[in-house]
Amino acid sequence: MAGKKQFDMNTALDAAMLQFWRDGYADTSLDDLSRATGLNRSSIYSSLGDKDKLFLRCLDLYTARYGEKYDAALAHAAPDDPVAAIRAFFDVTLGRIADPALPDGCLIAQTAMAIPVLSPGVAAHAKEALGFQHLRLRAALKSGGLSDRDAEAFAAHVAAVNQSLAVMSRAGAGRAQLLDIVGVTLDALSQTSHTQRT
């Protein structure tokens, strides 16, 4: 239609996601979102929703995008090798951290740290996203031969380490330090896996 600005919804959502990822929910204003998406306030409200609704859509986008990457990494590892599966899982995180086109850290980790000041709906959504990661890891570890107890414990541990990698990278930790952290987890998992096989 002549005179009406056209925009691509996916492009706008991606730009909004990167803005929230870069500055966090609390420190991202509607003016920031307007600059990031190229849309004025009324267009944001009419097309993308209020700030909470837009943030939830961005969190879903982020969760789906990286969830697919994590699922693919875990699926391509040998089904009976939990160490290879978790190494592949961490490779996704380390690859994201190393990408200069992306903000530091992790949108889910940032959101989780802000849960005390978020609206109940946004906080619940963030907890749900963390829960998906835990379930994904637990399933991979179970299929790798770990007992229920160890699969549960390592799923919680790997999820926590994964979030800490994002926080530490945002604080300036280098790749070598992050790899050392991953290495400790993989060594512990290897010992547990070996013990259960012998």
N, C-alpha and C. Protein backbone atom coordinates (compact mmCIF):
# COMPACT_ATOMS: atom_id res chain seq x y z
N MET A 1 0.85 -1.19 0.00
CA MET A 1 0.00 0.00 0.00
C MET A 1 0.88 1.23 0.00
N ALA A 2 0.63 2.17 -0.88
CA ALA A 2 1.47 3.35 -1.03
C ALA A 2 1.47 4.17 0.25
N GLY A 3 2.64 4.63 0.64
CA GLY A 3 2.78 5.50 1.80
C GLY A 3 2.86 4.76 3.12
N LYS A 4 2.61 3.47 3.14
CA LYS A 4 2.67 2.71 4.39
C LYS A 4 3.98 1.94 4.45
N LYS A 5 4.70 2.13 5.56
CA LYS A 5 6.00 1.48 5.71
C LYS A 5 5.81 -0.03 5.90
N GLN A 6 6.53 -0.79 5.12
CA GLN A 6 6.47 -2.24 5.22
C GLN A 6 7.68 -2.72 6.03
N PHE A 7 7.51 -3.82 6.75
CA PHE A 7 8.64 -4.37 7.48
C PHE A 7 8.47 -5.88 7.55
N ASP A 8 9.56 -6.54 7.77
CA ASP A 8 9.55 -7.99 7.89
C ASP A 8 9.49 -8.33 9.38
N MET A 9 8.47 -9.08 9.77
CA MET A 9 8.27 -9.42 11.18
C MET A 9 9.46 -10.16 11.76
N ASN A 10 10.00 -11.13 11.01
CA ASN A 10 11.14 -11.91 11.52
C ASN A 10 12.37 -11.04 11.74
N THR A 11 12.60 -10.09 10.82
CA THR A 11 13.74 -9.19 10.97
C THR A 11 13.56 -8.30 12.19
N ALA A 12 12.35 -7.81 12.39
CA ALA A 12 12.08 -6.95 13.54
C ALA A 12 12.24 -7.72 14.85
N LEU A 13 11.73 -8.94 14.89
CA LEU A 13 11.86 -9.75 16.10
C LEU A 13 13.33 -10.07 16.40
N ASP A 14 14.08 -10.36 15.36
CA ASP A 14 15.50 -10.66 15.54
C ASP A 14 16.23 -9.44 16.10
N ALA A 15 15.91 -8.26 15.57
CA ALA A 15 16.55 -7.03 16.05
C ALA A 15 16.17 -6.75 17.50
N ALA A 16 14.91 -6.99 17.83
CA ALA A 16 14.46 -6.79 19.22
C ALA A 16 15.15 -7.78 20.15
N MET A 17 15.27 -9.03 19.71
CA MET A 17 15.93 -10.05 20.52
C MET A 17 17.37 -9.64 20.82
N LEU A 18 18.08 -9.18 19.80
CA LEU A 18 19.47 -8.76 20.01
C LEU A 18 19.55 -7.57 20.96
N GLN A 19 18.59 -6.67 20.89
CA GLN A 19 18.57 -5.53 21.79
C GLN A 19 18.37 -5.98 23.24
N PHE A 20 17.39 -6.84 23.47
CA PHE A 20 17.17 -7.37 24.82
C PHE A 20 18.39 -8.16 25.30
N TRP A 21 18.99 -8.93 24.40
CA TRP A 21 20.15 -9.73 24.73
C TRP A 21 21.33 -8.83 25.12
N ARG A 22 21.50 -7.76 24.40
CA ARG A 22 22.62 -6.86 24.65
C ARG A 22 22.47 -6.11 25.97
N ASP A 23 21.27 -5.57 26.24
CA ASP A 23 21.10 -4.69 27.39
C ASP A 23 20.26 -5.27 28.52
N GLY A 24 19.62 -6.41 28.29
CA GLY A 24 18.76 -6.98 29.31
C GLY A 24 17.36 -6.38 29.27
N TYR A 25 16.42 -7.08 29.88
CA TYR A 25 15.03 -6.64 29.85
C TYR A 25 14.85 -5.27 30.51
N ALA A 26 15.35 -5.15 31.74
CA ALA A 26 15.10 -3.93 32.51
C ALA A 26 15.72 -2.69 31.87
N ASP A 27 16.90 -2.84 31.26
CA ASP A 27 17.61 -1.69 30.70
C ASP A 27 17.28 -1.43 29.24
N THR A 28 16.32 -2.16 28.68
CA THR A 28 15.89 -1.91 27.31
C THR A 28 14.59 -1.12 27.34
N SER A 29 14.62 0.07 26.76
CA SER A 29 13.43 0.92 26.73
C SER A 29 12.71 0.76 25.39
N LEU A 30 11.51 1.30 25.32
CA LEU A 30 10.78 1.28 24.05
C LEU A 30 11.52 2.10 22.99
N ASP A 31 12.20 3.15 23.42
CA ASP A 31 13.00 3.93 22.47
C ASP A 31 14.14 3.08 21.92
N ASP A 32 14.77 2.27 22.79
CA ASP A 32 15.82 1.36 22.33
C ASP A 32 15.27 0.38 21.30
N LEU A 33 14.10 -0.17 21.59
CA LEU A 33 13.47 -1.12 20.68
C LEU A 33 13.08 -0.47 19.37
N SER A 34 12.66 0.77 19.46
CA SER A 34 12.30 1.51 18.25
C SER A 34 13.52 1.70 17.37
N ARG A 35 14.64 2.09 17.98
CA ARG A 35 15.88 2.27 17.21
C ARG A 35 16.35 0.94 16.62
N ALA A 36 16.25 -0.11 17.41
CA ALA A 36 16.75 -1.43 16.96
C ALA A 36 15.92 -1.98 15.81
N THR A 37 14.61 -1.82 15.89
CA THR A 37 13.73 -2.42 14.88
C THR A 37 13.42 -1.49 13.72
N GLY A 38 13.64 -0.17 13.93
CA GLY A 38 13.26 0.80 12.90
C GLY A 38 11.78 1.11 12.90
N LEU A 39 11.08 0.66 13.95
CA LEU A 39 9.64 0.91 14.05
C LEU A 39 9.36 1.96 15.12
N ASN A 40 8.32 2.78 14.91
CA ASN A 40 7.96 3.72 15.96
C ASN A 40 7.17 2.99 17.05
N ARG A 41 6.93 3.68 18.15
CA ARG A 41 6.28 3.05 19.30
C ARG A 41 4.92 2.44 18.95
N SER A 42 4.12 3.19 18.20
CA SER A 42 2.78 2.68 17.88
C SER A 42 2.86 1.44 17.00
N SER A 43 3.85 1.39 16.11
CA SER A 43 4.02 0.21 15.27
C SER A 43 4.48 -0.99 16.09
N ILE A 44 5.33 -0.75 17.07
CA ILE A 44 5.77 -1.83 17.95
C ILE A 44 4.58 -2.42 18.69
N TYR A 45 3.76 -1.54 19.28
CA TYR A 45 2.59 -2.02 20.02
C TYR A 45 1.61 -2.76 19.13
N SER A 46 1.33 -2.21 17.96
CA SER A 46 0.31 -2.81 17.10
C SER A 46 0.81 -4.09 16.42
N SER A 47 2.11 -4.17 16.13
CA SER A 47 2.63 -5.33 15.40
C SER A 47 3.30 -6.37 16.28
N LEU A 48 3.94 -5.92 17.36
CA LEU A 48 4.75 -6.83 18.18
C LEU A 48 4.26 -6.96 19.61
N GLY A 49 3.40 -6.05 20.04
CA GLY A 49 2.87 -6.11 21.40
C GLY A 49 3.60 -5.18 22.36
N ASP A 50 3.15 -5.17 23.62
CA ASP A 50 3.82 -4.34 24.62
C ASP A 50 5.18 -4.94 24.95
N LYS A 51 5.91 -4.31 25.85
CA LYS A 51 7.28 -4.75 26.12
C LYS A 51 7.33 -6.19 26.63
N ASP A 52 6.44 -6.55 27.56
CA ASP A 52 6.43 -7.91 28.08
C ASP A 52 6.14 -8.93 26.98
N LYS A 53 5.12 -8.65 26.19
CA LYS A 53 4.75 -9.59 25.13
C LYS A 53 5.87 -9.72 24.10
N LEU A 54 6.48 -8.59 23.74
CA LEU A 54 7.58 -8.63 22.78
C LEU A 54 8.76 -9.40 23.36
N PHE A 55 9.06 -9.18 24.63
CA PHE A 55 10.17 -9.89 25.25
C PHE A 55 9.92 -11.40 25.25
N LEU A 56 8.69 -11.80 25.57
CA LEU A 56 8.37 -13.23 25.57
C LEU A 56 8.55 -13.83 24.18
N ARG A 57 8.16 -13.07 23.16
CA ARG A 57 8.35 -13.56 21.79
C ARG A 57 9.83 -13.68 21.47
N CYS A 58 10.62 -12.74 21.94
CA CYS A 58 12.07 -12.79 21.70
C CYS A 58 12.71 -13.95 22.46
N LEU A 59 12.24 -14.19 23.68
CA LEU A 59 12.76 -15.30 24.47
C LEU A 59 12.41 -16.63 23.79
N ASP A 60 11.21 -16.72 23.24
CA ASP A 60 10.82 -17.93 22.50
C ASP A 60 11.69 -18.12 21.26
N LEU A 61 11.97 -17.01 20.57
CA LEU A 61 12.81 -17.08 19.38
C LEU A 61 14.21 -17.57 19.74
N TYR A 62 14.77 -17.00 20.79
CA TYR A 62 16.11 -17.39 21.25
C TYR A 62 16.13 -18.86 21.67
N THR A 63 15.12 -19.27 22.46
CA THR A 63 15.05 -20.64 22.95
C THR A 63 14.93 -21.63 21.79
N ALA A 64 14.11 -21.30 20.81
CA ALA A 64 13.95 -22.19 19.66
C ALA A 64 15.22 -22.27 18.82
N ARG A 65 15.82 -21.12 18.58
CA ARG A 65 17.02 -21.08 17.72
C ARG A 65 18.15 -21.90 18.32
N TYR A 66 18.45 -21.66 19.59
CA TYR A 66 19.57 -22.38 20.19
C TYR A 66 19.16 -23.77 20.66
N GLY A 67 17.88 -23.96 20.97
CA GLY A 67 17.40 -25.29 21.29
C GLY A 67 17.61 -26.25 20.13
N GLU A 68 17.33 -25.78 18.93
CA GLU A 68 17.55 -26.61 17.74
C GLU A 68 19.03 -26.96 17.57
N LYS A 69 19.89 -26.00 17.85
CA LYS A 69 21.33 -26.24 17.73
C LYS A 69 21.80 -27.26 18.78
N TYR A 70 21.30 -27.10 20.01
CA TYR A 70 21.68 -28.05 21.05
C TYR A 70 21.15 -29.45 20.73
N ASP A 71 19.90 -29.52 20.28
CA ASP A 71 19.32 -30.83 19.94
C ASP A 71 20.11 -31.51 18.84
N ALA A 72 20.49 -30.74 17.83
CA ALA A 72 21.25 -31.31 16.72
C ALA A 72 22.62 -31.81 17.19
N ALA A 73 23.26 -31.02 18.05
CA ALA A 73 24.58 -31.42 18.56
C ALA A 73 24.49 -32.71 19.36
N LEU A 74 23.49 -32.80 20.24
CA LEU A 74 23.33 -33.99 21.05
C LEU A 74 22.95 -35.21 20.21
N ALA A 75 22.14 -34.98 19.18
CA ALA A 75 21.68 -36.08 18.33
C ALA A 75 22.81 -36.65 17.47
N HIS A 76 23.78 -35.83 17.10
CA HIS A 76 24.86 -36.30 16.23
C HIS A 76 25.97 -37.01 16.99
N ALA A 77 25.96 -36.90 18.30
CA ALA A 77 26.97 -37.63 19.08
C ALA A 77 26.59 -39.10 19.15
N ALA A 78 27.58 -39.95 19.36
CA ALA A 78 27.30 -41.39 19.50
C ALA A 78 26.35 -41.60 20.68
N PRO A 79 25.27 -42.36 20.49
CA PRO A 79 24.26 -42.50 21.54
C PRO A 79 24.77 -43.10 22.83
N ASP A 80 25.87 -43.86 22.75
CA ASP A 80 26.39 -44.49 23.96
C ASP A 80 27.60 -43.74 24.53
N ASP A 81 27.81 -42.50 24.09
CA ASP A 81 28.96 -41.73 24.55
C ASP A 81 28.49 -40.39 25.13
N PRO A 82 28.14 -40.37 26.42
CA PRO A 82 27.63 -39.14 27.02
C PRO A 82 28.66 -38.01 27.04
N VAL A 83 29.94 -38.35 27.12
CA VAL A 83 30.98 -37.31 27.13
C VAL A 83 31.00 -36.57 25.79
N ALA A 84 30.93 -37.33 24.69
CA ALA A 84 30.90 -36.70 23.36
C ALA A 84 29.66 -35.84 23.19
N ALA A 85 28.53 -36.32 23.73
CA ALA A 85 27.29 -35.55 23.63
C ALA A 85 27.40 -34.22 24.36
N ILE A 86 27.93 -34.26 25.57
CA ILE A 86 28.03 -33.02 26.36
C ILE A 86 29.10 -32.10 25.79
N ARG A 87 30.18 -32.68 25.24
CA ARG A 87 31.18 -31.85 24.57
C ARG A 87 30.55 -31.11 23.39
N ALA A 88 29.73 -31.82 22.61
CA ALA A 88 29.06 -31.20 21.47
C ALA A 88 28.09 -30.12 21.94
N PHE A 89 27.43 -30.38 23.06
CA PHE A 89 26.51 -29.40 23.65
C PHE A 89 27.27 -28.11 24.00
N PHE A 90 28.39 -28.26 24.71
CA PHE A 90 29.18 -27.09 25.09
C PHE A 90 29.76 -26.38 23.86
N ASP A 91 30.06 -27.13 22.80
CA ASP A 91 30.59 -26.51 21.58
C ASP A 91 29.60 -25.50 21.00
N VAL A 92 28.30 -25.79 21.13
CA VAL A 92 27.29 -24.83 20.66
C VAL A 92 27.40 -23.53 21.45
N THR A 93 27.51 -23.66 22.76
CA THR A 93 27.62 -22.48 23.61
C THR A 93 28.90 -21.71 23.32
N LEU A 94 30.01 -22.42 23.23
CA LEU A 94 31.29 -21.75 22.98
C LEU A 94 31.31 -21.09 21.61
N GLY A 95 30.66 -21.72 20.63
CA GLY A 95 30.56 -21.12 19.31
C GLY A 95 29.75 -19.84 19.33
N ARG A 96 28.65 -19.85 20.08
CA ARG A 96 27.84 -18.64 20.21
C ARG A 96 28.63 -17.53 20.89
N ILE A 97 29.34 -17.89 21.95
CA ILE A 97 30.13 -16.90 22.69
C ILE A 97 31.21 -16.29 21.79
N ALA A 98 31.81 -17.10 20.93
CA ALA A 98 32.91 -16.63 20.08
C ALA A 98 32.43 -15.83 18.87
N ASP A 99 31.15 -15.83 18.59
CA ASP A 99 30.63 -15.15 17.40
C ASP A 99 30.62 -13.64 17.63
N PRO A 100 31.44 -12.88 16.90
CA PRO A 100 31.52 -11.44 17.14
C PRO A 100 30.25 -10.68 16.74
N ALA A 101 29.38 -11.33 15.97
CA ALA A 101 28.15 -10.66 15.54
C ALA A 101 27.06 -10.73 16.62
N LEU A 102 27.30 -11.50 17.68
CA LEU A 102 26.30 -11.67 18.72
C LEU A 102 26.73 -10.98 20.01
N PRO A 103 25.76 -10.55 20.82
CA PRO A 103 26.11 -9.97 22.12
C PRO A 103 26.77 -11.01 23.02
N ASP A 104 27.49 -10.55 24.02
CA ASP A 104 28.09 -11.45 24.99
C ASP A 104 26.99 -12.08 25.84
N GLY A 105 27.31 -13.22 26.42
CA GLY A 105 26.40 -13.84 27.36
C GLY A 105 25.29 -14.64 26.70
N CYS A 106 24.21 -14.78 27.44
CA CYS A 106 23.07 -15.61 27.02
C CYS A 106 21.79 -14.92 27.48
N LEU A 107 20.84 -14.81 26.58
CA LEU A 107 19.59 -14.12 26.93
C LEU A 107 18.86 -14.84 28.06
N ILE A 108 18.88 -16.16 28.05
CA ILE A 108 18.20 -16.91 29.11
C ILE A 108 18.91 -16.71 30.45
N ALA A 109 20.24 -16.75 30.46
CA ALA A 109 20.99 -16.55 31.70
C ALA A 109 20.74 -15.15 32.26
N GLN A 110 20.76 -14.15 31.40
CA GLN A 110 20.50 -12.78 31.85
C GLN A 110 19.11 -12.66 32.44
N THR A 111 18.15 -13.28 31.78
CA THR A 111 16.77 -13.21 32.25
C THR A 111 16.61 -13.93 33.58
N ALA A 112 17.26 -15.08 33.71
CA ALA A 112 17.17 -15.84 34.95
C ALA A 112 17.72 -15.02 36.12
N MET A 113 18.80 -14.30 35.90
CA MET A 113 19.38 -13.49 36.97
C MET A 113 18.47 -12.33 37.36
N ALA A 114 17.60 -11.93 36.45
CA ALA A 114 16.71 -10.80 36.72
C ALA A 114 15.33 -11.23 37.21
N ILE A 115 15.13 -12.54 37.43
CA ILE A 115 13.80 -13.05 37.80
C ILE A 115 13.17 -12.30 38.98
N PRO A 116 13.93 -11.93 40.02
CA PRO A 116 13.27 -11.25 41.15
C PRO A 116 12.57 -9.94 40.78
N VAL A 117 12.97 -9.30 39.70
CA VAL A 117 12.36 -8.01 39.35
C VAL A 117 11.48 -8.10 38.10
N LEU A 118 11.29 -9.30 37.57
CA LEU A 118 10.47 -9.47 36.38
C LEU A 118 9.01 -9.68 36.75
N SER A 119 8.14 -9.44 35.79
CA SER A 119 6.72 -9.75 36.01
C SER A 119 6.59 -11.27 36.15
N PRO A 120 5.55 -11.74 36.85
CA PRO A 120 5.39 -13.19 37.04
C PRO A 120 5.37 -13.98 35.73
N GLY A 121 4.74 -13.44 34.69
CA GLY A 121 4.67 -14.14 33.41
C GLY A 121 6.02 -14.30 32.76
N VAL A 122 6.82 -13.24 32.77
CA VAL A 122 8.15 -13.30 32.17
C VAL A 122 9.06 -14.21 32.99
N ALA A 123 8.97 -14.12 34.32
CA ALA A 123 9.79 -14.96 35.19
C ALA A 123 9.46 -16.44 34.96
N ALA A 124 8.18 -16.77 34.84
CA ALA A 124 7.78 -18.16 34.62
C ALA A 124 8.30 -18.66 33.28
N HIS A 125 8.29 -17.79 32.28
CA HIS A 125 8.78 -18.17 30.95
C HIS A 125 10.28 -18.46 30.99
N ALA A 126 11.02 -17.64 31.73
CA ALA A 126 12.46 -17.85 31.85
C ALA A 126 12.76 -19.18 32.55
N LYS A 127 12.01 -19.48 33.61
CA LYS A 127 12.19 -20.76 34.31
C LYS A 127 11.87 -21.93 33.40
N GLU A 128 10.85 -21.77 32.57
CA GLU A 128 10.48 -22.82 31.63
C GLU A 128 11.60 -23.07 30.63
N ALA A 129 12.22 -21.99 30.14
CA ALA A 129 13.33 -22.13 29.19
C ALA A 129 14.50 -22.88 29.83
N LEU A 130 14.80 -22.57 31.09
CA LEU A 130 15.85 -23.30 31.80
C LEU A 130 15.47 -24.77 31.97
N GLY A 131 14.20 -25.02 32.21
CA GLY A 131 13.73 -26.39 32.38
C GLY A 131 13.89 -27.22 31.11
N PHE A 132 13.64 -26.59 29.95
CA PHE A 132 13.83 -27.30 28.68
C PHE A 132 15.27 -27.77 28.54
N GLN A 133 16.21 -26.91 28.92
CA GLN A 133 17.61 -27.28 28.79
C GLN A 133 17.94 -28.46 29.69
N HIS A 134 17.42 -28.44 30.90
CA HIS A 134 17.66 -29.53 31.84
C HIS A 134 17.11 -30.85 31.30
N LEU A 135 15.90 -30.83 30.77
CA LEU A 135 15.29 -32.04 30.23
C LEU A 135 16.07 -32.58 29.04
N ARG A 136 16.53 -31.68 28.19
CA ARG A 136 17.31 -32.06 27.01
C ARG A 136 18.59 -32.78 27.44
N LEU A 137 19.27 -32.23 28.42
CA LEU A 137 20.52 -32.80 28.90
C LEU A 137 20.27 -34.14 29.59
N ARG A 138 19.24 -34.20 30.42
CA ARG A 138 18.95 -35.43 31.14
C ARG A 138 18.67 -36.57 30.17
N ALA A 139 17.90 -36.30 29.14
CA ALA A 139 17.58 -37.34 28.15
C ALA A 139 18.84 -37.84 27.46
N ALA A 140 19.74 -36.92 27.10
CA ALA A 140 20.97 -37.31 26.42
C ALA A 140 21.86 -38.15 27.34
N LEU A 141 21.93 -37.77 28.59
CA LEU A 141 22.77 -38.51 29.54
C LEU A 141 22.19 -39.88 29.85
N LYS A 142 20.87 -39.96 29.94
CA LYS A 142 20.21 -41.25 30.16
C LYS A 142 20.48 -42.19 28.98
N SER A 143 20.34 -41.65 27.76
CA SER A 143 20.57 -42.50 26.59
C SER A 143 22.04 -42.88 26.48
N GLY A 144 22.92 -42.12 27.12
CA GLY A 144 24.34 -42.44 27.13
C GLY A 144 24.72 -43.47 28.18
N GLY A 145 23.72 -43.97 28.93
CA GLY A 145 23.98 -45.05 29.86
C GLY A 145 24.13 -44.66 31.32
N LEU A 146 23.96 -43.38 31.65
CA LEU A 146 24.07 -43.00 33.06
C LEU A 146 22.82 -43.44 33.82
N SER A 147 23.00 -43.71 35.10
CA SER A 147 21.86 -44.06 35.95
C SER A 147 20.93 -42.85 36.07
N ASP A 148 19.72 -43.09 36.53
CA ASP A 148 18.76 -41.98 36.71
C ASP A 148 19.35 -40.90 37.62
N ARG A 149 19.95 -41.35 38.71
CA ARG A 149 20.50 -40.39 39.68
C ARG A 149 21.63 -39.56 39.08
N ASP A 150 22.56 -40.22 38.39
CA ASP A 150 23.69 -39.50 37.80
C ASP A 150 23.25 -38.63 36.62
N ALA A 151 22.30 -39.13 35.84
CA ALA A 151 21.80 -38.32 34.71
C ALA A 151 21.16 -37.04 35.23
N GLU A 152 20.40 -37.16 36.30
CA GLU A 152 19.75 -35.98 36.90
C GLU A 152 20.80 -35.02 37.45
N ALA A 153 21.77 -35.56 38.18
CA ALA A 153 22.79 -34.70 38.79
C ALA A 153 23.64 -34.01 37.73
N PHE A 154 24.07 -34.75 36.72
CA PHE A 154 24.91 -34.13 35.68
C PHE A 154 24.11 -33.18 34.79
N ALA A 155 22.82 -33.46 34.57
CA ALA A 155 22.01 -32.53 33.80
C ALA A 155 21.93 -31.19 34.50
N ALA A 156 21.71 -31.22 35.83
CA ALA A 156 21.66 -29.98 36.61
C ALA A 156 23.02 -29.28 36.58
N HIS A 157 24.09 -30.07 36.72
CA HIS A 157 25.43 -29.50 36.74
C HIS A 157 25.80 -28.88 35.39
N VAL A 158 25.58 -29.62 34.30
CA VAL A 158 25.93 -29.11 32.97
C VAL A 158 25.12 -27.86 32.64
N ALA A 159 23.84 -27.86 32.99
CA ALA A 159 23.02 -26.67 32.74
C ALA A 159 23.57 -25.47 33.51
N ALA A 160 23.99 -25.70 34.76
CA ALA A 160 24.55 -24.62 35.57
C ALA A 160 25.87 -24.13 35.00
N VAL A 161 26.72 -25.05 34.58
CA VAL A 161 28.01 -24.67 33.98
C VAL A 161 27.76 -23.90 32.68
N ASN A 162 26.81 -24.36 31.91
CA ASN A 162 26.50 -23.70 30.64
C ASN A 162 26.08 -22.25 30.86
N GLN A 163 25.24 -22.02 31.86
CA GLN A 163 24.82 -20.65 32.16
C GLN A 163 26.00 -19.83 32.69
N SER A 164 26.86 -20.47 33.48
CA SER A 164 28.00 -19.73 34.02
C SER A 164 28.99 -19.34 32.93
N LEU A 165 29.11 -20.16 31.88
CA LEU A 165 29.98 -19.79 30.76
C LEU A 165 29.51 -18.48 30.14
N ALA A 166 28.20 -18.35 30.00
CA ALA A 166 27.64 -17.13 29.42
C ALA A 166 27.90 -15.92 30.32
N VAL A 167 27.72 -16.11 31.62
CA VAL A 167 27.95 -15.01 32.56
C VAL A 167 29.42 -14.63 32.57
N MET A 168 30.31 -15.62 32.61
CA MET A 168 31.74 -15.33 32.66
C MET A 168 32.24 -14.69 31.37
N SER A 169 31.69 -15.12 30.23
CA SER A 169 32.12 -14.50 28.97
C SER A 169 31.71 -13.04 28.94
N ARG A 170 30.54 -12.75 29.49
CA ARG A 170 30.07 -11.36 29.55
C ARG A 170 30.97 -10.52 30.46
N ALA A 171 31.56 -11.20 31.46
CA ALA A 171 32.46 -10.50 32.38
C ALA A 171 33.89 -10.44 31.86
N GLY A 172 34.14 -11.00 30.67
CA GLY A 172 35.45 -10.86 30.06
C GLY A 172 36.35 -12.08 30.09
N ALA A 173 35.83 -13.22 30.55
CA ALA A 173 36.66 -14.44 30.57
C ALA A 173 37.02 -14.85 29.15
N GLY A 174 38.26 -15.28 28.95
CA GLY A 174 38.72 -15.69 27.63
C GLY A 174 38.37 -17.13 27.31
N ARG A 175 38.55 -17.50 26.05
CA ARG A 175 38.19 -18.84 25.59
C ARG A 175 38.96 -19.92 26.35
N ALA A 176 40.24 -19.70 26.62
CA ALA A 176 41.04 -20.71 27.32
C ALA A 176 40.46 -21.02 28.69
N GLN A 177 40.05 -19.99 29.40
CA GLN A 177 39.47 -20.19 30.73
C GLN A 177 38.14 -20.94 30.63
N LEU A 178 37.34 -20.58 29.64
CA LEU A 178 36.05 -21.26 29.46
C LEU A 178 36.26 -22.73 29.11
N LEU A 179 37.25 -23.01 28.27
CA LEU A 179 37.56 -24.40 27.91
C LEU A 179 38.03 -25.20 29.12
N ASP A 180 38.77 -24.57 30.00
CA ASP A 180 39.22 -25.24 31.23
C ASP A 180 38.02 -25.63 32.09
N ILE A 181 37.04 -24.75 32.18
CA ILE A 181 35.83 -25.02 32.97
C ILE A 181 35.08 -26.20 32.37
N VAL A 182 34.93 -26.17 31.06
CA VAL A 182 34.26 -27.27 30.36
C VAL A 182 35.03 -28.57 30.59
N GLY A 183 36.34 -28.49 30.53
CA GLY A 183 37.18 -29.68 30.70
C GLY A 183 36.97 -30.36 32.04
N VAL A 184 36.83 -29.59 33.10
CA VAL A 184 36.60 -30.17 34.43
C VAL A 184 35.29 -30.97 34.44
N THR A 185 34.27 -30.40 33.84
CA THR A 185 32.97 -31.09 33.78
C THR A 185 33.07 -32.37 32.95
N LEU A 186 33.73 -32.30 31.81
CA LEU A 186 33.86 -33.48 30.95
C LEU A 186 34.68 -34.57 31.62
N ASP A 187 35.72 -34.18 32.37
CA ASP A 187 36.53 -35.17 33.09
C ASP A 187 35.69 -35.89 34.15
N ALA A 188 34.90 -35.12 34.90
CA ALA A 188 34.06 -35.72 35.94
C ALA A 188 33.02 -36.66 35.32
N LEU A 189 32.44 -36.23 34.21
CA LEU A 189 31.45 -37.05 33.53
C LEU A 189 32.09 -38.33 32.98
N SER A 190 33.29 -38.21 32.45
CA SER A 190 34.00 -39.37 31.92
C SER A 190 34.27 -40.40 33.01
N GLN A 191 34.69 -39.92 34.18
CA GLN A 191 34.97 -40.84 35.29
C GLN A 191 33.69 -41.56 35.74
N THR A 192 32.60 -40.80 35.82
CA THR A 192 31.33 -41.40 36.24
C THR A 192 30.85 -42.42 35.22
N SER A 193 30.94 -42.05 33.95
CA SER A 193 30.51 -42.95 32.88
C SER A 193 31.35 -44.23 32.86
N HIS A 194 32.65 -44.07 33.05
CA HIS A 194 33.55 -45.23 33.05
C HIS A 194 33.24 -46.15 34.22
N THR A 195 32.99 -45.56 35.38
CA THR A 195 32.68 -46.35 36.58
C THR A 195 31.42 -47.18 36.37
N GLN A 196 30.43 -46.61 35.73
CA GLN A 196 29.17 -47.32 35.54
C GLN A 196 29.30 -48.44 34.49
N ARG A 197 30.30 -48.34 33.63
CA ARG A 197 30.48 -49.36 32.61
C ARG A 197 31.33 -50.53 33.08
N THR A 198 32.04 -50.32 34.21
CA THR A 198 32.95 -51.36 34.69
C THR A 198 32.39 -52.07 35.92
